[in-house]
Amino acid sequence: VQLQASGGGLVQAGGSLRLSCAASGRSFSSYAMGWFRQASGKDRDIVAAITRSGSRTYYGESVKGRFTISRDNAKNTVYLQMDNLKPEDTAVYYCAADLQRFGQGLNSDQYSYDYWGQGTQVTVSS
């Protein structure tokens, strides 16, 4: 599967952005999806993840209550709604796909993910 992330940009603190990740192929619903981010000079961290069906989600501690992950399997797209953005949210954001042949697994470990998008820059000014 190929992933194309979009929606990044420059926003003031307290503002909102919505990231999208469009997947190619016909098996999108076989993948749990995740959003990760990597700030300059830091490791890549989990932001949020969602199961194949969208029934369960996971959020990193720093974004709980501010970010919302969702997916539309009919459109082969996963979204990340980011509200109340803070300067520390500045990073390159990546979407990733984790093949789940059985069940509704949900992984926060980046090494569980099989495919990655190219990343989209989010910059939050203070």
Protein backbone atom coordinates (compact mmCIF):
# COMPACT_ATOMS: atom_id res chain seq x y z
CA VAL A 1 0.00 0.00 0.00
CA GLN A 2 1.18 3.55 -0.72
CA LEU A 3 0.41 6.38 1.67
CA GLN A 4 0.19 10.09 0.91
CA ALA A 5 -0.01 12.51 3.84
CA SER A 6 -1.22 16.07 3.46
CA GLY A 7 -2.61 18.99 5.43
CA GLY A 8 0.42 20.23 7.28
CA GLY A 9 1.34 23.88 7.52
CA LEU A 10 2.08 26.84 9.75
CA VAL A 11 -0.41 27.70 12.48
CA GLN A 12 -0.43 29.84 15.60
CA ALA A 13 -0.58 28.30 19.03
CA GLY A 14 -4.15 27.46 19.93
CA GLY A 15 -5.10 26.87 16.33
CA SER A 16 -6.16 23.73 14.50
CA LEU A 17 -5.06 21.63 11.56
CA ARG A 18 -6.47 18.50 9.98
CA LEU A 19 -4.06 16.01 8.47
CA SER A 20 -5.17 13.47 5.90
CA CYS A 21 -3.49 10.29 4.74
CA ALA A 22 -4.78 8.72 1.53
CA ALA A 23 -3.94 5.09 0.84
CA SER A 24 -3.77 3.36 -2.50
CA GLY A 25 -4.99 -0.17 -3.08
CA ARG A 26 -8.13 -2.08 -2.20
CA SER A 27 -7.13 -3.52 1.18
CA PHE A 28 -7.12 -0.37 3.32
CA SER A 29 -9.53 -1.92 5.82
CA SER A 30 -6.97 -4.67 6.52
CA TYR A 31 -4.63 -2.16 8.11
CA ALA A 32 -4.59 -0.51 11.47
CA MET A 33 -3.36 3.02 10.93
CA GLY A 34 -1.13 5.27 12.95
CA TRP A 35 0.18 8.81 13.03
CA PHE A 36 3.71 9.42 14.27
CA ARG A 37 5.76 12.57 14.53
CA GLN A 38 9.41 13.44 14.64
CA ALA A 39 10.68 16.77 15.87
CA SER A 40 14.10 17.99 14.84
CA GLY A 41 16.81 16.11 16.70
CA LYS A 42 14.37 13.79 18.45
CA ASP A 43 13.09 10.26 18.04
CA ARG A 44 9.91 9.45 16.16
CA ASP A 45 6.99 9.03 18.56
CA ILE A 46 3.45 7.73 18.35
CA VAL A 47 0.75 10.38 18.13
CA ALA A 48 -2.36 8.25 17.60
CA ALA A 49 -3.50 4.94 16.18
CA ILE A 50 -6.78 3.42 15.10
CA THR A 51 -7.95 -0.14 14.49
CA ARG A 52 -9.02 -1.54 11.14
CA SER A 53 -12.67 -0.82 11.80
CA GLY A 54 -12.13 2.37 13.73
CA SER A 55 -13.64 0.83 16.85
CA ARG A 56 -10.65 1.58 19.08
CA THR A 57 -8.09 4.35 19.24
CA TYR A 58 -4.86 5.08 21.04
CA TYR A 59 -3.28 8.45 21.82
CA GLY A 60 0.09 9.52 23.02
CA GLU A 61 -0.03 11.18 26.42
CA SER A 62 0.96 14.61 25.13
CA VAL A 63 -1.94 14.84 22.67
CA LYS A 64 -4.80 13.28 24.63
CA GLY A 65 -7.84 15.52 24.65
CA ARG A 66 -6.48 17.71 21.83
CA PHE A 67 -6.06 15.36 18.84
CA THR A 68 -8.59 13.00 17.27
CA ILE A 69 -7.82 10.18 14.86
CA SER A 70 -10.51 8.85 12.55
CA ARG A 71 -10.77 6.90 9.32
CA ASP A 72 -13.09 6.48 6.37
CA ASN A 73 -12.58 3.04 4.86
CA ALA A 74 -14.80 3.89 1.89
CA LYS A 75 -12.38 6.69 1.00
CA ASN A 76 -9.19 4.83 1.98
CA THR A 77 -8.28 7.75 4.20
CA VAL A 78 -7.23 8.30 7.80
CA TYR A 79 -7.41 11.71 9.45
CA LEU A 80 -5.79 13.47 12.37
CA GLN A 81 -7.71 16.44 13.72
CA MET A 82 -5.36 18.57 15.79
CA ASP A 83 -6.85 21.23 18.05
CA ASN A 84 -5.35 23.58 20.60
CA LEU A 85 -1.96 23.19 18.97
CA LYS A 86 1.14 24.02 20.96
CA PRO A 87 4.66 24.97 19.81
CA GLU A 88 5.86 21.58 21.09
CA ASP A 89 3.63 19.91 18.48
CA THR A 90 5.99 21.19 15.78
CA ALA A 91 7.30 18.17 13.89
CA VAL A 92 7.12 16.19 10.70
CA TYR A 93 4.01 14.01 10.90
CA TYR A 94 3.94 10.58 9.28
CA CYS A 95 1.09 8.19 8.67
CA ALA A 96 1.74 4.47 8.74
CA ALA A 97 -0.12 1.22 8.05
CA ASP A 98 0.05 -1.94 10.13
CA LEU A 99 -1.29 -5.06 8.41
CA GLN A 100 -3.79 -6.86 10.64
CA ARG A 101 -4.80 -10.13 9.00
CA PHE A 102 -6.89 -11.16 11.99
CA GLY A 103 -8.70 -9.18 14.63
CA GLN A 104 -8.50 -5.55 15.60
CA GLY A 105 -4.95 -5.09 16.80
CA LEU A 106 -3.59 -1.69 17.77
CA ASN A 107 0.13 -0.97 18.05
CA SER A 108 1.97 2.04 19.40
CA ASP A 109 5.38 0.67 18.39
CA GLN A 110 6.60 2.15 15.13
CA TYR A 111 8.42 -1.07 14.26
CA SER A 112 5.07 -2.87 14.00
CA TYR A 113 4.10 -0.72 11.00
CA ASP A 114 4.71 -2.01 7.51
CA TYR A 115 4.21 1.03 5.29
CA TRP A 116 4.95 4.72 5.76
CA GLY A 117 3.92 7.92 4.08
CA GLN A 118 6.36 10.68 3.16
CA GLY A 119 5.60 13.03 6.06
CA THR A 120 4.03 16.45 6.29
CA GLN A 121 5.49 19.37 8.24
CA VAL A 122 3.49 20.98 11.03
CA THR A 123 4.85 24.16 12.53
CA VAL A 124 3.17 25.85 15.47
CA SER A 125 4.28 29.39 16.28
CA SER A 126 4.02 30.88 19.74
